[in-house]
Amino acid sequence: MDHVSFFPFHNRHIRFLYDGQEMQGVVVDSIPYNEKAFSTQYVYIATRNMRAWKDAEKIQDNRAMRALEKKIDLLKITNPSLINH
């Protein structure tokens, strides 16, 4: 997916395929521009890691946050759908 088509799913709890693997969580653009390997590189936080990630964010523990994240390429995301709670 490109930036424009992914916009409705950005920073939302979603389910999607990534390189054929089903994933669910949140995809955010939290990588500083000068640290990106390519412009479509974003951060994925798996649903199972979201609570721990938010706890680390509250105390500004960047090391713990980064350990719970995975860098992904938007171009490899297919079939996204929102997870409604």
N, C-alpha and C. Protein backbone atom coordinates (compact mmCIF):
# COMPACT_ATOMS: atom_id res chain seq x y z
N MET A 1 0.85 -1.18 0.00
CA MET A 1 0.00 0.00 0.00
C MET A 1 0.89 1.24 0.00
N ASP A 2 0.38 2.30 -0.55
CA ASP A 2 1.12 3.56 -0.49
C ASP A 2 0.58 4.40 0.67
N HIS A 3 1.22 5.55 0.90
CA HIS A 3 0.84 6.42 2.01
C HIS A 3 -0.63 6.84 1.95
N VAL A 4 -1.09 7.20 0.77
CA VAL A 4 -2.46 7.72 0.62
C VAL A 4 -3.50 6.64 0.91
N SER A 5 -3.33 5.47 0.33
CA SER A 5 -4.32 4.41 0.55
C SER A 5 -4.26 3.85 1.97
N PHE A 6 -3.12 4.00 2.66
CA PHE A 6 -3.01 3.49 4.03
C PHE A 6 -3.56 4.49 5.05
N PHE A 7 -3.73 5.74 4.68
CA PHE A 7 -4.12 6.80 5.62
C PHE A 7 -5.29 6.44 6.55
N PRO A 8 -6.39 5.84 6.07
CA PRO A 8 -7.51 5.52 6.97
C PRO A 8 -7.16 4.49 8.06
N PHE A 9 -6.04 3.79 7.88
CA PHE A 9 -5.65 2.74 8.83
C PHE A 9 -4.50 3.15 9.74
N HIS A 10 -3.88 4.29 9.44
CA HIS A 10 -2.74 4.77 10.21
C HIS A 10 -3.13 5.03 11.66
N ASN A 11 -2.34 4.54 12.59
CA ASN A 11 -2.54 4.77 14.02
C ASN A 11 -3.89 4.26 14.52
N ARG A 12 -4.39 3.21 13.89
CA ARG A 12 -5.66 2.57 14.27
C ARG A 12 -5.38 1.09 14.51
N HIS A 13 -6.22 0.46 15.31
CA HIS A 13 -6.08 -0.98 15.57
C HIS A 13 -6.60 -1.72 14.34
N ILE A 14 -5.70 -2.43 13.67
CA ILE A 14 -6.06 -3.07 12.40
C ILE A 14 -5.57 -4.52 12.33
N ARG A 15 -6.12 -5.22 11.37
CA ARG A 15 -5.70 -6.57 10.99
C ARG A 15 -5.28 -6.47 9.53
N PHE A 16 -4.18 -7.14 9.16
CA PHE A 16 -3.70 -7.05 7.78
C PHE A 16 -2.77 -8.21 7.48
N LEU A 17 -2.45 -8.36 6.20
CA LEU A 17 -1.46 -9.34 5.77
C LEU A 17 -0.16 -8.60 5.49
N TYR A 18 0.94 -9.18 5.94
CA TYR A 18 2.26 -8.60 5.70
C TYR A 18 3.17 -9.72 5.20
N ASP A 19 3.57 -9.63 3.96
CA ASP A 19 4.35 -10.71 3.34
C ASP A 19 3.64 -12.05 3.51
N GLY A 20 2.31 -12.05 3.42
CA GLY A 20 1.53 -13.27 3.52
C GLY A 20 1.19 -13.71 4.94
N GLN A 21 1.74 -13.04 5.94
CA GLN A 21 1.49 -13.40 7.34
C GLN A 21 0.40 -12.49 7.91
N GLU A 22 -0.61 -13.09 8.58
CA GLU A 22 -1.66 -12.27 9.19
C GLU A 22 -1.12 -11.62 10.46
N MET A 23 -1.35 -10.32 10.58
CA MET A 23 -0.88 -9.56 11.74
C MET A 23 -2.01 -8.68 12.23
N GLN A 24 -1.96 -8.30 13.50
CA GLN A 24 -2.91 -7.32 14.01
C GLN A 24 -2.21 -6.47 15.05
N GLY A 25 -2.53 -5.19 15.01
CA GLY A 25 -1.92 -4.23 15.91
C GLY A 25 -2.10 -2.83 15.37
N VAL A 26 -1.11 -1.98 15.65
CA VAL A 26 -1.16 -0.58 15.25
C VAL A 26 0.09 -0.28 14.41
N VAL A 27 -0.09 0.45 13.31
CA VAL A 27 1.02 0.88 12.48
C VAL A 27 1.10 2.40 12.58
N VAL A 28 2.28 2.89 13.00
CA VAL A 28 2.47 4.33 13.20
C VAL A 28 3.74 4.79 12.49
N ASP A 29 3.81 6.07 12.24
CA ASP A 29 4.98 6.67 11.60
C ASP A 29 5.78 7.37 12.69
N SER A 30 6.49 6.59 13.51
CA SER A 30 7.23 7.19 14.62
C SER A 30 8.73 7.20 14.40
N ILE A 31 9.17 6.83 13.21
CA ILE A 31 10.60 6.83 12.91
C ILE A 31 10.96 8.21 12.37
N PRO A 32 11.93 8.89 12.99
CA PRO A 32 12.35 10.20 12.46
C PRO A 32 12.79 10.07 11.00
N TYR A 33 12.44 11.06 10.20
CA TYR A 33 12.68 11.01 8.76
C TYR A 33 14.14 10.69 8.43
N ASN A 34 15.07 11.28 9.18
CA ASN A 34 16.49 11.07 8.88
C ASN A 34 16.99 9.67 9.28
N GLU A 35 16.17 8.89 10.00
CA GLU A 35 16.55 7.53 10.40
C GLU A 35 15.88 6.46 9.54
N LYS A 36 14.97 6.86 8.66
CA LYS A 36 14.26 5.89 7.82
C LYS A 36 15.18 5.37 6.72
N ALA A 37 15.11 4.06 6.51
CA ALA A 37 15.86 3.46 5.40
C ALA A 37 15.17 3.78 4.07
N PHE A 38 13.84 3.95 4.12
CA PHE A 38 13.05 4.30 2.94
C PHE A 38 11.77 4.97 3.43
N SER A 39 11.11 5.74 2.56
CA SER A 39 9.99 6.59 3.00
C SER A 39 8.76 5.82 3.46
N THR A 40 8.61 4.57 3.03
CA THR A 40 7.43 3.80 3.44
C THR A 40 7.71 2.91 4.66
N GLN A 41 8.80 3.19 5.36
CA GLN A 41 9.14 2.43 6.57
C GLN A 41 8.37 3.01 7.76
N TYR A 42 7.58 2.16 8.38
CA TYR A 42 6.76 2.56 9.53
C TYR A 42 7.03 1.59 10.69
N VAL A 43 6.39 1.83 11.82
CA VAL A 43 6.55 0.97 13.00
C VAL A 43 5.25 0.23 13.25
N TYR A 44 5.36 -1.07 13.53
CA TYR A 44 4.23 -1.92 13.87
C TYR A 44 4.34 -2.32 15.33
N ILE A 45 3.23 -2.17 16.06
CA ILE A 45 3.15 -2.61 17.45
C ILE A 45 2.05 -3.66 17.50
N ALA A 46 2.42 -4.90 17.80
CA ALA A 46 1.46 -5.99 17.85
C ALA A 46 0.45 -5.77 18.98
N THR A 47 -0.76 -6.26 18.78
CA THR A 47 -1.81 -6.12 19.78
C THR A 47 -1.33 -6.62 21.14
N ARG A 48 -0.65 -7.76 21.17
CA ARG A 48 -0.20 -8.34 22.44
C ARG A 48 0.83 -7.46 23.15
N ASN A 49 1.47 -6.52 22.44
CA ASN A 49 2.49 -5.65 23.03
C ASN A 49 1.99 -4.24 23.32
N MET A 50 0.74 -3.94 22.98
CA MET A 50 0.27 -2.56 23.07
C MET A 50 0.26 -2.02 24.50
N ARG A 51 -0.20 -2.81 25.47
CA ARG A 51 -0.25 -2.33 26.85
C ARG A 51 1.16 -2.03 27.37
N ALA A 52 2.09 -2.95 27.15
CA ALA A 52 3.47 -2.75 27.60
C ALA A 52 4.10 -1.55 26.89
N TRP A 53 3.79 -1.38 25.60
CA TRP A 53 4.33 -0.25 24.85
C TRP A 53 3.81 1.07 25.42
N LYS A 54 2.49 1.13 25.72
CA LYS A 54 1.90 2.35 26.28
C LYS A 54 2.49 2.64 27.66
N ASP A 55 2.72 1.61 28.47
CA ASP A 55 3.34 1.80 29.79
C ASP A 55 4.74 2.37 29.64
N ALA A 56 5.51 1.85 28.69
CA ALA A 56 6.86 2.36 28.43
C ALA A 56 6.81 3.80 27.93
N GLU A 57 5.82 4.11 27.10
CA GLU A 57 5.67 5.47 26.58
C GLU A 57 5.40 6.45 27.71
N LYS A 58 4.58 6.06 28.68
CA LYS A 58 4.24 6.95 29.80
C LYS A 58 5.46 7.37 30.60
N ILE A 59 6.42 6.46 30.73
CA ILE A 59 7.63 6.79 31.50
C ILE A 59 8.80 7.15 30.58
N GLN A 60 8.50 7.30 29.31
CA GLN A 60 9.47 7.68 28.28
C GLN A 60 10.66 6.73 28.22
N ASP A 61 10.37 5.42 28.30
CA ASP A 61 11.39 4.39 28.20
C ASP A 61 11.52 3.98 26.73
N ASN A 62 12.29 4.77 25.99
CA ASN A 62 12.43 4.54 24.55
C ASN A 62 13.02 3.18 24.22
N ARG A 63 13.91 2.69 25.04
CA ARG A 63 14.52 1.38 24.79
C ARG A 63 13.46 0.28 24.84
N ALA A 64 12.61 0.31 25.86
CA ALA A 64 11.54 -0.69 25.98
C ALA A 64 10.55 -0.56 24.82
N MET A 65 10.23 0.68 24.44
CA MET A 65 9.30 0.89 23.33
C MET A 65 9.87 0.28 22.05
N ARG A 66 11.12 0.56 21.75
CA ARG A 66 11.74 0.06 20.52
C ARG A 66 11.81 -1.47 20.51
N ALA A 67 12.00 -2.07 21.70
CA ALA A 67 12.07 -3.54 21.79
C ALA A 67 10.73 -4.19 21.45
N LEU A 68 9.63 -3.45 21.64
CA LEU A 68 8.29 -3.98 21.38
C LEU A 68 7.80 -3.67 19.97
N GLU A 69 8.56 -2.91 19.22
CA GLU A 69 8.18 -2.49 17.87
C GLU A 69 8.87 -3.35 16.82
N LYS A 70 8.29 -3.32 15.64
CA LYS A 70 8.89 -3.96 14.47
C LYS A 70 8.80 -2.97 13.32
N LYS A 71 9.89 -2.75 12.61
CA LYS A 71 9.86 -1.88 11.44
C LYS A 71 9.28 -2.66 10.27
N ILE A 72 8.34 -2.03 9.57
CA ILE A 72 7.71 -2.67 8.42
C ILE A 72 7.65 -1.70 7.25
N ASP A 73 7.41 -2.23 6.08
CA ASP A 73 7.28 -1.45 4.85
C ASP A 73 5.81 -1.42 4.44
N LEU A 74 5.24 -0.23 4.36
CA LEU A 74 3.83 -0.10 3.96
C LEU A 74 3.53 -0.80 2.65
N LEU A 75 4.49 -0.81 1.75
CA LEU A 75 4.26 -1.40 0.43
C LEU A 75 3.97 -2.90 0.49
N LYS A 76 4.33 -3.55 1.60
CA LYS A 76 4.11 -4.99 1.75
C LYS A 76 2.82 -5.32 2.49
N ILE A 77 2.06 -4.30 2.90
CA ILE A 77 0.79 -4.52 3.59
C ILE A 77 -0.32 -4.72 2.56
N THR A 78 -1.14 -5.77 2.79
CA THR A 78 -2.31 -6.00 1.94
C THR A 78 -3.52 -6.31 2.83
N ASN A 79 -4.69 -6.09 2.29
CA ASN A 79 -5.97 -6.42 2.93
C ASN A 79 -6.13 -5.87 4.35
N PRO A 80 -5.86 -4.60 4.58
CA PRO A 80 -6.06 -4.08 5.94
C PRO A 80 -7.55 -3.94 6.26
N SER A 81 -7.89 -4.13 7.52
CA SER A 81 -9.26 -3.89 7.98
C SER A 81 -9.20 -3.42 9.43
N LEU A 82 -10.12 -2.52 9.77
CA LEU A 82 -10.17 -2.00 11.13
C LEU A 82 -10.70 -3.07 12.08
N ILE A 83 -10.18 -3.08 13.29
CA ILE A 83 -10.69 -3.94 14.35
C ILE A 83 -11.52 -3.04 15.24
N ASN A 84 -12.81 -3.27 15.27
CA ASN A 84 -13.71 -2.44 16.07
C ASN A 84 -13.88 -3.04 17.45
N HIS A 85 -13.81 -2.16 18.43
CA HIS A 85 -13.98 -2.61 19.82
C HIS A 85 -15.26 -2.06 20.37
